[in-house]
Amino acid sequence: MLKNQIRIIGGEWRSRQITFTDLPGLRPTPSRVRETLFNWLQNDIPGSRCFDLYAGSGALGFEAASRGAKAVVQVEQDGTACRALHENALKLKADQIKIVQSDVFRFLGANNAESFDIVFLDPPFGKNMTVQTCQWLEDKGWLNRHAKIYVEAENENKSLGGLPDNWQLLKSKTAGEVSYHLLSRHA
């Protein structure tokens, strides 16, 4: 399988490359979108606990760890993608990153013992998983009191209807075929 690379934009591993396998539906968050997102989160990342759901290439989780996140849990179902995540974590000596191979809903449905400050949510496009994943994060206690949630979706999902009532949209932008949003949870 073809290996691709993506560059980490900032922090400890700035300009380092992570590799990922070319898999159907795997779309790493583009550099300009990541740069905007991490500008939005620059004061929230240091010391935070981050949850990278549908991790794929791992670009968001590795970027957060590079910028000072205390812990990052990456959940990815595909075994090939998980092997690449493990290889990148070893290469970068990223001890703060934990990689879990699991279906996201199976993982979220398990009894959790942790909660998170920041969630990166970039589910496969065209499968209508965004709203259900957000509801499960809220209903199953995965979020800290004032957690920030990043959601990346197809442009036709710009409205993000059906999200938990106690979530507030902070920022929203569009880049090409992708809309991306930063929300905040209010307990």
N, C-alpha and C. Protein backbone atom coordinates (compact mmCIF):
# COMPACT_ATOMS: atom_id res chain seq x y z
N MET A 1 0.83 -1.19 0.00
CA MET A 1 0.00 0.00 0.00
C MET A 1 0.88 1.26 0.00
N LEU A 2 0.38 2.26 -0.65
CA LEU A 2 1.12 3.50 -0.81
C LEU A 2 1.17 4.27 0.51
N LYS A 3 2.35 4.75 0.87
CA LYS A 3 2.52 5.57 2.07
C LYS A 3 2.55 7.04 1.67
N ASN A 4 1.79 7.84 2.39
CA ASN A 4 1.76 9.28 2.19
C ASN A 4 2.34 9.95 3.42
N GLN A 5 2.65 11.22 3.29
CA GLN A 5 3.20 11.97 4.42
C GLN A 5 2.42 13.27 4.61
N ILE A 6 2.40 13.70 5.86
CA ILE A 6 1.82 14.99 6.19
C ILE A 6 2.74 15.64 7.23
N ARG A 7 2.90 16.93 7.12
CA ARG A 7 3.84 17.65 7.99
C ARG A 7 3.12 18.20 9.22
N ILE A 8 3.76 18.06 10.38
CA ILE A 8 3.26 18.69 11.61
C ILE A 8 3.61 20.17 11.52
N ILE A 9 2.64 21.02 11.82
CA ILE A 9 2.80 22.45 11.58
C ILE A 9 3.54 23.19 12.70
N GLY A 10 3.26 22.86 13.96
CA GLY A 10 3.85 23.64 15.04
C GLY A 10 4.25 22.80 16.24
N GLY A 11 4.88 23.43 17.19
CA GLY A 11 5.24 22.78 18.44
C GLY A 11 6.56 22.03 18.38
N GLU A 12 6.72 21.10 19.30
CA GLU A 12 7.95 20.34 19.48
C GLU A 12 8.38 19.60 18.21
N TRP A 13 7.43 19.08 17.47
CA TRP A 13 7.74 18.30 16.26
C TRP A 13 7.50 19.09 14.98
N ARG A 14 7.51 20.39 15.08
CA ARG A 14 7.27 21.24 13.92
C ARG A 14 8.15 20.79 12.74
N SER A 15 7.54 20.69 11.57
CA SER A 15 8.18 20.30 10.31
C SER A 15 8.50 18.81 10.20
N ARG A 16 8.26 18.04 11.26
CA ARG A 16 8.46 16.58 11.17
C ARG A 16 7.31 15.99 10.35
N GLN A 17 7.61 14.91 9.65
CA GLN A 17 6.60 14.24 8.82
C GLN A 17 6.05 13.02 9.55
N ILE A 18 4.74 12.82 9.43
CA ILE A 18 4.15 11.55 9.85
C ILE A 18 3.65 10.88 8.57
N THR A 19 3.68 9.55 8.59
CA THR A 19 3.25 8.80 7.42
C THR A 19 1.90 8.16 7.67
N PHE A 20 1.17 7.95 6.59
CA PHE A 20 -0.10 7.24 6.68
C PHE A 20 -0.32 6.49 5.37
N THR A 21 -1.09 5.44 5.44
CA THR A 21 -1.36 4.62 4.27
C THR A 21 -2.55 5.17 3.52
N ASP A 22 -2.48 5.12 2.21
CA ASP A 22 -3.57 5.56 1.35
C ASP A 22 -4.71 4.55 1.45
N LEU A 23 -5.75 4.90 2.18
CA LEU A 23 -6.90 4.02 2.39
C LEU A 23 -8.17 4.71 1.89
N PRO A 24 -9.16 3.93 1.43
CA PRO A 24 -10.42 4.54 0.99
C PRO A 24 -11.05 5.39 2.10
N GLY A 25 -11.42 6.61 1.77
CA GLY A 25 -12.09 7.48 2.73
C GLY A 25 -11.18 8.22 3.69
N LEU A 26 -9.89 7.91 3.69
CA LEU A 26 -8.95 8.59 4.61
C LEU A 26 -8.56 9.93 4.00
N ARG A 27 -8.94 11.02 4.69
CA ARG A 27 -8.65 12.36 4.24
C ARG A 27 -8.03 13.13 5.38
N PRO A 28 -6.73 13.22 5.43
CA PRO A 28 -6.12 14.02 6.51
C PRO A 28 -6.60 15.46 6.45
N THR A 29 -6.79 16.05 7.61
CA THR A 29 -7.19 17.45 7.67
C THR A 29 -6.11 18.30 7.00
N PRO A 30 -6.47 19.11 6.01
CA PRO A 30 -5.47 19.91 5.28
C PRO A 30 -4.70 20.85 6.20
N SER A 31 -3.47 21.16 5.79
CA SER A 31 -2.59 22.00 6.61
C SER A 31 -3.22 23.34 6.97
N ARG A 32 -3.85 24.00 6.01
CA ARG A 32 -4.41 25.33 6.31
C ARG A 32 -5.57 25.23 7.30
N VAL A 33 -6.33 24.14 7.25
CA VAL A 33 -7.42 23.94 8.22
C VAL A 33 -6.82 23.66 9.60
N ARG A 34 -5.79 22.80 9.66
CA ARG A 34 -5.14 22.51 10.94
C ARG A 34 -4.54 23.78 11.54
N GLU A 35 -3.93 24.60 10.70
CA GLU A 35 -3.34 25.84 11.20
C GLU A 35 -4.41 26.74 11.82
N THR A 36 -5.55 26.88 11.15
CA THR A 36 -6.64 27.68 11.69
C THR A 36 -7.16 27.09 13.00
N LEU A 37 -7.41 25.78 12.99
CA LEU A 37 -7.91 25.11 14.19
C LEU A 37 -6.97 25.31 15.38
N PHE A 38 -5.69 25.10 15.18
CA PHE A 38 -4.77 25.21 16.31
C PHE A 38 -4.50 26.66 16.71
N ASN A 39 -4.75 27.60 15.83
CA ASN A 39 -4.77 29.01 16.25
C ASN A 39 -5.96 29.26 17.17
N TRP A 40 -7.12 28.68 16.81
CA TRP A 40 -8.30 28.81 17.66
C TRP A 40 -8.06 28.22 19.05
N LEU A 41 -7.31 27.11 19.09
CA LEU A 41 -7.13 26.35 20.34
C LEU A 41 -5.80 26.63 21.04
N GLN A 42 -5.05 27.62 20.59
CA GLN A 42 -3.69 27.80 21.09
C GLN A 42 -3.59 27.92 22.61
N ASN A 43 -4.58 28.50 23.25
CA ASN A 43 -4.53 28.64 24.71
C ASN A 43 -5.12 27.44 25.44
N ASP A 44 -5.78 26.56 24.71
CA ASP A 44 -6.45 25.40 25.33
C ASP A 44 -5.60 24.13 25.27
N ILE A 45 -4.71 24.01 24.30
CA ILE A 45 -3.97 22.77 24.07
C ILE A 45 -2.96 22.44 25.18
N PRO A 46 -2.11 23.37 25.62
CA PRO A 46 -1.08 22.99 26.60
C PRO A 46 -1.71 22.39 27.87
N GLY A 47 -1.24 21.17 28.20
CA GLY A 47 -1.70 20.49 29.41
C GLY A 47 -3.05 19.80 29.28
N SER A 48 -3.65 19.82 28.09
CA SER A 48 -5.00 19.28 27.92
C SER A 48 -4.98 17.77 27.68
N ARG A 49 -6.17 17.18 27.86
CA ARG A 49 -6.42 15.78 27.50
C ARG A 49 -7.27 15.79 26.24
N CYS A 50 -6.73 15.21 25.16
CA CYS A 50 -7.39 15.27 23.85
C CYS A 50 -7.85 13.88 23.40
N PHE A 51 -8.96 13.87 22.71
CA PHE A 51 -9.60 12.66 22.21
C PHE A 51 -9.70 12.81 20.70
N ASP A 52 -9.01 11.96 19.95
CA ASP A 52 -8.98 12.03 18.49
C ASP A 52 -9.77 10.84 17.96
N LEU A 53 -11.06 11.07 17.65
CA LEU A 53 -11.94 10.01 17.19
C LEU A 53 -11.90 9.92 15.67
N TYR A 54 -11.95 8.70 15.14
CA TYR A 54 -11.78 8.45 13.71
C TYR A 54 -10.42 9.03 13.31
N ALA A 55 -9.38 8.63 14.03
CA ALA A 55 -8.06 9.27 13.95
C ALA A 55 -7.44 9.26 12.55
N GLY A 56 -7.65 8.20 11.76
CA GLY A 56 -7.13 8.17 10.40
C GLY A 56 -5.63 8.34 10.35
N SER A 57 -5.16 9.43 9.75
CA SER A 57 -3.72 9.70 9.65
C SER A 57 -3.12 10.09 10.99
N GLY A 58 -3.97 10.54 11.92
CA GLY A 58 -3.48 10.99 13.23
C GLY A 58 -3.01 12.43 13.24
N ALA A 59 -3.20 13.15 12.13
CA ALA A 59 -2.66 14.51 12.02
C ALA A 59 -3.12 15.42 13.16
N LEU A 60 -4.39 15.35 13.54
CA LEU A 60 -4.89 16.24 14.60
C LEU A 60 -4.31 15.87 15.97
N GLY A 61 -4.29 14.59 16.28
CA GLY A 61 -3.74 14.15 17.57
C GLY A 61 -2.26 14.41 17.70
N PHE A 62 -1.49 14.15 16.65
CA PHE A 62 -0.05 14.41 16.70
C PHE A 62 0.23 15.90 16.79
N GLU A 63 -0.56 16.70 16.09
CA GLU A 63 -0.40 18.16 16.17
C GLU A 63 -0.66 18.64 17.59
N ALA A 64 -1.71 18.11 18.23
CA ALA A 64 -2.03 18.50 19.61
C ALA A 64 -0.90 18.10 20.56
N ALA A 65 -0.39 16.88 20.40
CA ALA A 65 0.71 16.42 21.27
C ALA A 65 1.96 17.28 21.04
N SER A 66 2.24 17.62 19.80
CA SER A 66 3.39 18.46 19.49
C SER A 66 3.29 19.82 20.16
N ARG A 67 2.07 20.30 20.33
CA ARG A 67 1.84 21.63 20.89
C ARG A 67 1.59 21.61 22.41
N GLY A 68 1.83 20.47 23.05
CA GLY A 68 1.82 20.46 24.51
C GLY A 68 0.66 19.77 25.18
N ALA A 69 -0.17 19.04 24.44
CA ALA A 69 -1.24 18.27 25.09
C ALA A 69 -0.60 17.25 26.04
N LYS A 70 -1.19 17.11 27.21
CA LYS A 70 -0.67 16.18 28.22
C LYS A 70 -0.93 14.73 27.81
N ALA A 71 -2.09 14.48 27.22
CA ALA A 71 -2.47 13.13 26.81
C ALA A 71 -3.36 13.22 25.57
N VAL A 72 -3.18 12.26 24.66
CA VAL A 72 -4.00 12.16 23.46
C VAL A 72 -4.39 10.70 23.29
N VAL A 73 -5.69 10.45 23.19
CA VAL A 73 -6.19 9.11 22.90
C VAL A 73 -6.73 9.13 21.47
N GLN A 74 -6.14 8.30 20.62
CA GLN A 74 -6.57 8.21 19.22
C GLN A 74 -7.34 6.90 19.05
N VAL A 75 -8.55 6.99 18.53
CA VAL A 75 -9.38 5.81 18.28
C VAL A 75 -9.57 5.67 16.77
N GLU A 76 -9.18 4.52 16.25
CA GLU A 76 -9.27 4.25 14.82
C GLU A 76 -9.60 2.77 14.63
N GLN A 77 -10.53 2.49 13.75
CA GLN A 77 -10.96 1.11 13.53
C GLN A 77 -10.03 0.33 12.60
N ASP A 78 -9.49 0.97 11.58
CA ASP A 78 -8.71 0.28 10.56
C ASP A 78 -7.34 -0.15 11.09
N GLY A 79 -7.03 -1.44 10.94
CA GLY A 79 -5.77 -1.98 11.45
C GLY A 79 -4.55 -1.41 10.78
N THR A 80 -4.62 -1.19 9.47
CA THR A 80 -3.48 -0.62 8.74
C THR A 80 -3.22 0.81 9.22
N ALA A 81 -4.28 1.59 9.38
CA ALA A 81 -4.12 2.97 9.88
C ALA A 81 -3.55 2.96 11.30
N CYS A 82 -3.99 2.03 12.14
CA CYS A 82 -3.47 1.94 13.52
C CYS A 82 -1.99 1.59 13.54
N ARG A 83 -1.56 0.70 12.66
CA ARG A 83 -0.13 0.37 12.61
C ARG A 83 0.69 1.61 12.25
N ALA A 84 0.20 2.41 11.31
CA ALA A 84 0.90 3.66 10.95
C ALA A 84 0.93 4.62 12.13
N LEU A 85 -0.19 4.72 12.87
CA LEU A 85 -0.22 5.59 14.05
C LEU A 85 0.83 5.15 15.07
N HIS A 86 0.91 3.83 15.32
CA HIS A 86 1.91 3.30 16.26
C HIS A 86 3.33 3.61 15.78
N GLU A 87 3.59 3.42 14.47
CA GLU A 87 4.93 3.70 13.93
C GLU A 87 5.29 5.16 14.11
N ASN A 88 4.34 6.06 13.86
CA ASN A 88 4.60 7.49 14.03
C ASN A 88 4.85 7.84 15.49
N ALA A 89 4.07 7.26 16.38
CA ALA A 89 4.26 7.52 17.82
C ALA A 89 5.64 7.06 18.27
N LEU A 90 6.06 5.91 17.80
CA LEU A 90 7.41 5.41 18.15
C LEU A 90 8.48 6.33 17.59
N LYS A 91 8.34 6.71 16.32
CA LYS A 91 9.33 7.56 15.66
C LYS A 91 9.48 8.90 16.39
N LEU A 92 8.37 9.45 16.87
CA LEU A 92 8.40 10.76 17.54
C LEU A 92 8.63 10.64 19.05
N LYS A 93 8.68 9.39 19.55
CA LYS A 93 8.77 9.16 21.01
C LYS A 93 7.62 9.86 21.72
N ALA A 94 6.42 9.68 21.17
CA ALA A 94 5.21 10.35 21.65
C ALA A 94 4.54 9.50 22.73
N ASP A 95 5.12 9.51 23.91
CA ASP A 95 4.60 8.70 25.02
C ASP A 95 3.24 9.16 25.51
N GLN A 96 2.88 10.40 25.22
CA GLN A 96 1.59 10.93 25.66
C GLN A 96 0.43 10.48 24.77
N ILE A 97 0.74 9.78 23.67
CA ILE A 97 -0.31 9.32 22.75
C ILE A 97 -0.62 7.85 23.00
N LYS A 98 -1.91 7.57 23.18
CA LYS A 98 -2.39 6.19 23.32
C LYS A 98 -3.26 5.90 22.09
N ILE A 99 -2.99 4.80 21.43
CA ILE A 99 -3.72 4.43 20.22
C ILE A 99 -4.58 3.22 20.51
N VAL A 100 -5.86 3.32 20.16
CA VAL A 100 -6.82 2.25 20.41
C VAL A 100 -7.45 1.84 19.08
N GLN A 101 -7.32 0.55 18.75
CA GLN A 101 -8.00 0.06 17.55
C GLN A 101 -9.37 -0.43 17.95
N SER A 102 -10.40 0.32 17.52
CA SER A 102 -11.77 -0.01 17.88
C SER A 102 -12.74 0.79 17.01
N ASP A 103 -13.92 0.24 16.86
CA ASP A 103 -15.03 1.01 16.32
C ASP A 103 -15.33 2.13 17.33
N VAL A 104 -15.53 3.34 16.87
CA VAL A 104 -15.73 4.48 17.78
C VAL A 104 -16.94 4.26 18.68
N PHE A 105 -18.07 3.78 18.13
CA PHE A 105 -19.26 3.59 18.97
C PHE A 105 -19.07 2.48 19.99
N ARG A 106 -18.35 1.44 19.63
CA ARG A 106 -18.05 0.38 20.60
C ARG A 106 -17.21 0.96 21.75
N PHE A 107 -16.22 1.77 21.38
CA PHE A 107 -15.35 2.38 22.38
C PHE A 107 -16.14 3.34 23.28
N LEU A 108 -16.94 4.21 22.66
CA LEU A 108 -17.71 5.18 23.45
C LEU A 108 -18.77 4.51 24.32
N GLY A 109 -19.25 3.36 23.89
CA GLY A 109 -20.28 2.64 24.65
C GLY A 109 -19.73 1.91 25.86
N ALA A 110 -18.42 1.72 25.90
CA ALA A 110 -17.80 1.04 27.05
C ALA A 110 -17.83 1.98 28.26
N ASN A 111 -17.71 1.39 29.43
CA ASN A 111 -17.63 2.23 30.64
C ASN A 111 -16.33 3.01 30.60
N ASN A 112 -16.43 4.30 30.64
CA ASN A 112 -15.22 5.10 30.57
C ASN A 112 -14.77 5.55 31.95
N ALA A 113 -13.46 5.67 32.08
CA ALA A 113 -12.88 6.15 33.32
C ALA A 113 -12.17 7.47 33.10
N GLU A 114 -12.30 8.04 31.91
CA GLU A 114 -11.61 9.28 31.62
C GLU A 114 -12.55 10.26 30.93
N SER A 115 -12.21 11.53 31.05
CA SER A 115 -12.95 12.55 30.32
C SER A 115 -11.92 13.49 29.69
N PHE A 116 -12.38 14.24 28.70
CA PHE A 116 -11.45 14.98 27.85
C PHE A 116 -11.79 16.46 27.77
N ASP A 117 -10.73 17.25 27.56
CA ASP A 117 -10.84 18.70 27.43
C ASP A 117 -11.13 19.12 25.99
N ILE A 118 -10.55 18.37 25.04
CA ILE A 118 -10.67 18.69 23.62
C ILE A 118 -10.94 17.40 22.86
N VAL A 119 -11.91 17.46 21.95
CA VAL A 119 -12.22 16.31 21.10
C VAL A 119 -12.07 16.73 19.64
N PHE A 120 -11.39 15.89 18.87
CA PHE A 120 -11.28 16.07 17.42
C PHE A 120 -12.17 15.02 16.79
N LEU A 121 -13.14 15.47 16.03
CA LEU A 121 -14.14 14.57 15.47
C LEU A 121 -14.20 14.77 13.95
N ASP A 122 -13.67 13.80 13.23
CA ASP A 122 -13.62 13.86 11.77
C ASP A 122 -14.05 12.50 11.22
N PRO A 123 -15.36 12.17 11.33
CA PRO A 123 -15.82 10.85 10.89
C PRO A 123 -15.82 10.72 9.37
N PRO A 124 -15.89 9.49 8.87
CA PRO A 124 -15.96 9.30 7.42
C PRO A 124 -17.13 10.08 6.83
N PHE A 125 -16.89 10.71 5.71
CA PHE A 125 -17.95 11.47 5.06
C PHE A 125 -19.01 10.53 4.48
N GLY A 126 -20.23 11.03 4.41
CA GLY A 126 -21.31 10.29 3.78
C GLY A 126 -21.93 9.20 4.61
N LYS A 127 -21.56 9.09 5.88
CA LYS A 127 -22.09 8.01 6.72
C LYS A 127 -22.97 8.51 7.86
N ASN A 128 -23.19 9.82 7.94
CA ASN A 128 -24.08 10.42 8.95
C ASN A 128 -23.75 9.98 10.38
N MET A 129 -22.49 10.04 10.74
CA MET A 129 -22.05 9.60 12.06
C MET A 129 -21.81 10.77 13.02
N THR A 130 -21.76 11.98 12.51
CA THR A 130 -21.36 13.13 13.32
C THR A 130 -22.28 13.37 14.51
N VAL A 131 -23.58 13.53 14.25
CA VAL A 131 -24.51 13.88 15.32
C VAL A 131 -24.59 12.77 16.37
N GLN A 132 -24.65 11.52 15.93
CA GLN A 132 -24.71 10.41 16.90
C GLN A 132 -23.45 10.36 17.75
N THR A 133 -22.29 10.56 17.13
CA THR A 133 -21.04 10.56 17.90
C THR A 133 -21.06 11.68 18.94
N CYS A 134 -21.52 12.86 18.55
CA CYS A 134 -21.59 13.99 19.49
C CYS A 134 -22.54 13.68 20.64
N GLN A 135 -23.68 13.10 20.33
CA GLN A 135 -24.64 12.75 21.39
C GLN A 135 -24.04 11.73 22.36
N TRP A 136 -23.33 10.74 21.83
CA TRP A 136 -22.72 9.73 22.69
C TRP A 136 -21.63 10.35 23.58
N LEU A 137 -20.84 11.26 23.01
CA LEU A 137 -19.82 11.94 23.83
C LEU A 137 -20.47 12.64 25.02
N GLU A 138 -21.58 13.31 24.76
CA GLU A 138 -22.29 14.04 25.83
C GLU A 138 -22.99 13.08 26.79
N ASP A 139 -23.76 12.15 26.25
CA ASP A 139 -24.60 11.28 27.09
C ASP A 139 -23.81 10.29 27.93
N LYS A 140 -22.64 9.89 27.46
CA LYS A 140 -21.87 8.86 28.14
C LYS A 140 -20.72 9.42 28.98
N GLY A 141 -20.71 10.74 29.18
CA GLY A 141 -19.79 11.35 30.14
C GLY A 141 -18.33 11.44 29.71
N TRP A 142 -18.06 11.57 28.43
CA TRP A 142 -16.68 11.62 27.95
C TRP A 142 -16.07 13.02 27.99
N LEU A 143 -16.86 14.05 28.31
CA LEU A 143 -16.39 15.42 28.19
C LEU A 143 -16.25 16.12 29.53
N ASN A 144 -15.19 16.89 29.67
CA ASN A 144 -15.05 17.74 30.84
C ASN A 144 -16.04 18.89 30.75
N ARG A 145 -16.22 19.58 31.83
CA ARG A 145 -17.26 20.60 31.97
C ARG A 145 -17.30 21.62 30.82
N HIS A 146 -16.16 22.15 30.44
CA HIS A 146 -16.10 23.17 29.39
C HIS A 146 -15.28 22.68 28.21
N ALA A 147 -15.48 21.43 27.82
CA ALA A 147 -14.73 20.83 26.71
C ALA A 147 -14.96 21.60 25.42
N LYS A 148 -13.94 21.55 24.56
CA LYS A 148 -14.04 22.10 23.21
C LYS A 148 -14.11 20.91 22.26
N ILE A 149 -14.98 21.02 21.27
CA ILE A 149 -15.20 19.94 20.31
C ILE A 149 -15.00 20.49 18.91
N TYR A 150 -14.08 19.89 18.18
CA TYR A 150 -13.84 20.24 16.79
C TYR A 150 -14.56 19.22 15.92
N VAL A 151 -15.36 19.70 14.98
CA VAL A 151 -16.11 18.83 14.07
C VAL A 151 -15.77 19.21 12.63
N GLU A 152 -15.36 18.20 11.86
CA GLU A 152 -15.10 18.39 10.44
C GLU A 152 -16.14 17.58 9.68
N ALA A 153 -16.78 18.20 8.68
CA ALA A 153 -17.87 17.53 7.97
C ALA A 153 -17.92 17.99 6.52
N GLU A 154 -18.70 17.26 5.71
CA GLU A 154 -18.94 17.68 4.33
C GLU A 154 -19.68 19.01 4.35
N ASN A 155 -19.50 19.79 3.33
CA ASN A 155 -20.18 21.09 3.25
C ASN A 155 -21.68 21.00 3.41
N GLU A 156 -22.31 19.93 2.93
CA GLU A 156 -23.76 19.85 3.05
C GLU A 156 -24.21 19.67 4.50
N ASN A 157 -23.30 19.38 5.41
CA ASN A 157 -23.63 19.24 6.83
C ASN A 157 -23.28 20.51 7.60
N LYS A 158 -23.22 21.64 6.94
CA LYS A 158 -22.80 22.89 7.58
C LYS A 158 -23.64 23.26 8.80
N SER A 159 -24.93 22.93 8.78
CA SER A 159 -25.82 23.38 9.84
C SER A 159 -25.56 22.66 11.17
N LEU A 160 -25.09 21.42 11.13
CA LEU A 160 -24.83 20.64 12.35
C LEU A 160 -26.06 20.54 13.25
N GLY A 161 -27.22 20.41 12.68
CA GLY A 161 -28.43 20.25 13.48
C GLY A 161 -28.42 18.96 14.27
N GLY A 162 -29.02 18.98 15.46
CA GLY A 162 -29.13 17.78 16.28
C GLY A 162 -28.02 17.60 17.29
N LEU A 163 -27.15 18.59 17.44
CA LEU A 163 -26.10 18.48 18.45
C LEU A 163 -26.68 18.69 19.84
N PRO A 164 -25.97 18.26 20.89
CA PRO A 164 -26.47 18.46 22.25
C PRO A 164 -26.82 19.93 22.52
N ASP A 165 -27.89 20.15 23.26
CA ASP A 165 -28.39 21.51 23.54
C ASP A 165 -27.40 22.38 24.29
N ASN A 166 -26.53 21.77 25.08
CA ASN A 166 -25.59 22.55 25.89
C ASN A 166 -24.27 22.81 25.16
N TRP A 167 -24.23 22.58 23.86
CA TRP A 167 -23.05 22.89 23.05
C TRP A 167 -23.30 24.19 22.30
N GLN A 168 -22.28 25.05 22.29
CA GLN A 168 -22.39 26.34 21.62
C GLN A 168 -21.34 26.43 20.52
N LEU A 169 -21.75 26.88 19.34
CA LEU A 169 -20.83 27.07 18.23
C LEU A 169 -19.97 28.30 18.51
N LEU A 170 -18.64 28.12 18.49
CA LEU A 170 -17.71 29.22 18.70
C LEU A 170 -17.18 29.78 17.39
N LYS A 171 -16.77 28.89 16.49
CA LYS A 171 -16.16 29.29 15.23
C LYS A 171 -16.58 28.30 14.15
N SER A 172 -16.62 28.77 12.92
CA SER A 172 -17.00 27.91 11.80
C SER A 172 -16.41 28.47 10.52
N LYS A 173 -15.86 27.58 9.68
CA LYS A 173 -15.28 27.99 8.40
C LYS A 173 -15.49 26.90 7.38
N THR A 174 -15.23 27.25 6.13
CA THR A 174 -15.32 26.30 5.03
C THR A 174 -14.02 26.37 4.23
N ALA A 175 -13.55 25.20 3.81
CA ALA A 175 -12.37 25.12 2.94
C ALA A 175 -12.65 24.05 1.90
N GLY A 176 -12.85 24.46 0.66
CA GLY A 176 -13.16 23.50 -0.39
C GLY A 176 -14.46 22.77 -0.09
N GLU A 177 -14.39 21.44 -0.03
CA GLU A 177 -15.58 20.62 0.20
C GLU A 177 -15.82 20.34 1.68
N VAL A 178 -15.04 20.96 2.55
CA VAL A 178 -15.09 20.67 3.98
C VAL A 178 -15.56 21.89 4.77
N SER A 179 -16.46 21.65 5.71
CA SER A 179 -16.77 22.69 6.69
C SER A 179 -16.22 22.21 8.02
N TYR A 180 -15.72 23.14 8.81
CA TYR A 180 -15.15 22.77 10.09
C TYR A 180 -15.60 23.76 11.15
N HIS A 181 -15.81 23.22 12.36
CA HIS A 181 -16.48 23.97 13.41
C HIS A 181 -15.81 23.71 14.75
N LEU A 182 -15.77 24.73 15.58
CA LEU A 182 -15.32 24.58 16.95
C LEU A 182 -16.50 24.90 17.87
N LEU A 183 -16.80 23.96 18.74
CA LEU A 183 -17.91 24.12 19.67
C LEU A 183 -17.39 24.05 21.10
N SER A 184 -18.18 24.58 22.01
CA SER A 184 -17.83 24.53 23.42
C SER A 184 -19.00 23.94 24.20
N ARG A 185 -18.67 23.09 25.15
CA ARG A 185 -19.69 22.46 25.99
C ARG A 185 -19.88 23.34 27.24
N HIS A 186 -21.13 23.51 27.62
CA HIS A 186 -21.45 24.24 28.86
C HIS A 186 -22.28 23.32 29.72
N ALA A 187 -21.74 22.95 30.87
CA ALA A 187 -22.42 21.98 31.74
C ALA A 187 -23.64 22.58 32.40
